[in-house]
Amino acid sequence: MALYFLLFFAFAKATFGNVEEVAFVSELSSKPAQKLSKYGWYGNARLQMFHIPEETAIARWFFTVTKGHSIQCAERNVTIHIRHGAPPVINPMDARFPNMTLWSPSRALILPVTSLSSAALSVSNPAPGDWFVATHLPEDDGRIEQKGFPSCSYFFQSQLSIRRAVDTPIMQTGIRLKQTAAPNKPARLKLYVPQFSWYILVTVDECSSAEGAGSNNCPVALSLGSDSLLYDPARLNCSGAGCTANLTHPPWDTWLRVVVESIQENQTVTFSIKSSYSVRCKPESEGLAANDGGGLQSNSNSSSASNNSVATETFAFNSQSKLLNLLPSACVWRIPVLYEETDALSFRFTPVTGPNVSVSSSHPTLLTYPLPAQVTGGTINLQLTLNTVSVHQLQTLYVQYCLCLSEVLLCFSVQTNVTLGNKSTVVACFTPRAPILKLSKALQCHTGLFLGYGVNVSTSFPQAVIRLPFPPSGTWYLTLQLMCNGDCGSVSVVSVDPEVFVSACVEDCGPFGRCQLLRSSNYLYGACVCKNGWRGWGCTDGSAAVPFSHQLVATLLLTLSNLTFLPAIVLAIKRLYVTEASVYLFTLFFSTFYHACDQPGIAVLCIMSYDTLQYCDFLGSVCSIWVTILCMARIKSTVKYTLFLFGTLLIAMSLQLDRRGLWNLLGPILVAIFFMVVAWVYRGVTHRQCYPPSWQRWVFYLIPGILCAVIGLSLYVFAQTEDNYYYTHSIWHILVACCVLFLLPPRERSRPAVNWTKGWRPDWNCAWLWTPRICGYTLCQSSKDELQTVT
């Protein structure tokens, strides 16, 4: 019982007045270190998510960037973007965004880094919810770095420290609270904003201070709302006996932060504060009983009887879309919206009345779109279409309604004159957190604390599109109204198709990109991977696109350069290295079709999955080097083929673990060279001479082959970039094939050449027998039966 009494006492103090200091608690969260990458697309940015709870007074981020290796690296500028509600939309490459794609820049920090650097960012009265931090290195220079070599690597780590109030006083409508704002200790309060609020009034008066007694002055600053680094709170500096802040279109169904600060140094101000709000467009309660269509129709008829002008509109609404009727105290047509999750990062909203929504000139039409936090990593799309066919149908229905009341001749004249005015426009405002309940053709779609987006459609421009990448979570509102400007014709109701949906990427990245889903911890978001030199958020910036002629030349270079393996295959077969020739043929085939499938442009040919082609290309390339060096070792056939098979299995396993690892290439080369050196040293010691003994073999074969190998590896590891990849990699193919031609040893003397000349001889039983002739000799075949004897 004592515990309940203490809780009630604390709640009463927070509600009806509390001059004591607000208590604060500290919390700390940290994210693991992540390796930074050069920016080429959004997937190169490292995304981290932090959650800031309600009533947080101060949030402070600590960012640290450390260098991973001790090698000398140039100074790098690490860019840190931070945004509230959704991941930041960034454009480091200054690329052109797709048409009708709107975005707001996030807060960015530039952190120069050499070995160890740190930075901090503090936000007072931060907006509660999810905050996102995206970090990346400068734009990618196109250099292809091989895994395993030491390079300049940077690691990013971030921490968040917050101070949160645990007993913030709650302001109730019409109730005064006595508060004190001391230096560096502002008064913090909060009030709840219900739905359908038109404006919020907060009044500060009855100010007094020990330093300025009797001055009747309020040296305080009043702030409403939170800081999201994009939208600042509404701030008012008080003067005189007091002040009143009027916040129109406040965010609905949320807690609003109220902060009062003393603007005089070393002066503590005691004051009274109260709040009030006005409600507009709130519908009357219909109770908990569900009404059917007939009930709605009867209510519509009863309300229409009292007003003839509204009757015509109500008739048109019910005839066209069977809309819920407008309640007497409401000032907007509210249309419920259904939503369904169709795929990952894919939501679709549908009005319950169907795709077409009736829009009137007398009252706005309001649609509500709740946007959950799990789809903020996508793009919300609004496509507004003026349905001219439905407008004609509405006009026809209106004439038929008049037909029942008037003569046929009169109705005919009305039907010919019913047209939509040329200056009439359907105005729409798409706003977060709160709707715009009073529209104008000026499209001032700004609420009290947030910016909105406005569009309009008319008979001249019947369609408008808005795309918002990474929209903040919360409830979005679409307000529609027909603006006539004195020339609305005979039509006061039109039909509009508001299509709202969430997709992973903007228009699925178009024909020059691919939409890829990314994950940071448990958060899913989408980004476009562009190809063929296209850039931008939706791969629509073709300023650096590669022409088709260059694409065709690149494809031909990378594929036809593999034909240099044909002489190596012929030479291997001629010298009776059939196993080695089969490996070279495997490499030729899969390298050709892998590079035909790997091209980013239009000249692409894929005979099987890209991953399979890439794996087989890597496997064939490494195995070609493996079998060639082992063949040069001149070891026994049993040992050589055992190493062939066992090494190929190990290479296949290592490529499956890490396909682009450096040691997947250097490992087999070094092991094969070790076996070759051991075999050559053994032969040199046994025969007491250098092996191979012929200087011509060294000068004309081994040294050129080694030079080709060194040049090819140097190009492959150090010289390849995105721009010269087509040329350097084609040269790599040619040099590897030349290595095989130079380094493949001659035929072993102990292996006789096979002459497949057929020898035929008659048998006494009139049967022709075939025996092969090898080296000019006929293999003997005994005609006697072998007998088994048992002893």
Foldseek 3Di string as FASTA:
>chain_A
DVVVVVVVVLQCCLEQAPADAFDKDKDKDKDDKDWAAADDWQVRWAKDKDFDAPQWFKKKKKKKKFKDDPDFDDKWKKKKFKFPQWAADDDLVPFDADPQEDHDHTDMDIWIDGGMTMDMDMFGQADGTMMMMIMHTHHDPFFDFFFPDDDTIMIMIMMMMIMGTDRAREADAPRKYKYKAFAVRKRKHKYAAAPQWFKKKKKKFPKAWPVDHPPLWDQKKKWKAGDGRRWGTDIDGGTGGIDMDIFGQDFHGDMMMIIIHHPDPRIMMIIMMHMHTDGAQDADDPDDDDDDLVVQVVVLVVVCVVPVVVNLVSVLQCVQQNARDRHPRGQEREWEKDKDAPDQLKMWIATPSGQKHKAFARGKYKYKDAFDSQNLQWKKKKKKFFDPVSQLVSLVVSLVVVVVVDPPVVSVVSSVQADFFQPKKKKKKKWFRGADGDDDPVPQNQGRTGGIDMDIADPVRRMDMHMYHSDRGHMIMMIIHMDQPPGGTNDRMTIMRITIMTDQADVCLPPFWHKDWDDDPHHIHIAIDGAQQFDYRSSPRCPRGHDPVVLVVLLCLQQVLLCLLVVLLVQCVVLVVNVLSVLSVQLNVLSNQLSQQPHSDDSHDHPDDNVVSLLSNLLSVQLNLLLLLLLLLPDDPVVSVVCSVVVSVVLSVVCVVPVSHPCSRVVSNVVSVVSSVVSQVVVCVVVVAHPVRDVCLVPVFVVLLVVLVVVLVCLVNPVDGSVCPSPSSSSSSNSSSSSSVRRRDGHDPVDFDADQDWDWDADPVRDIDIFGAGPNHTDDDDPDDDDDDDD
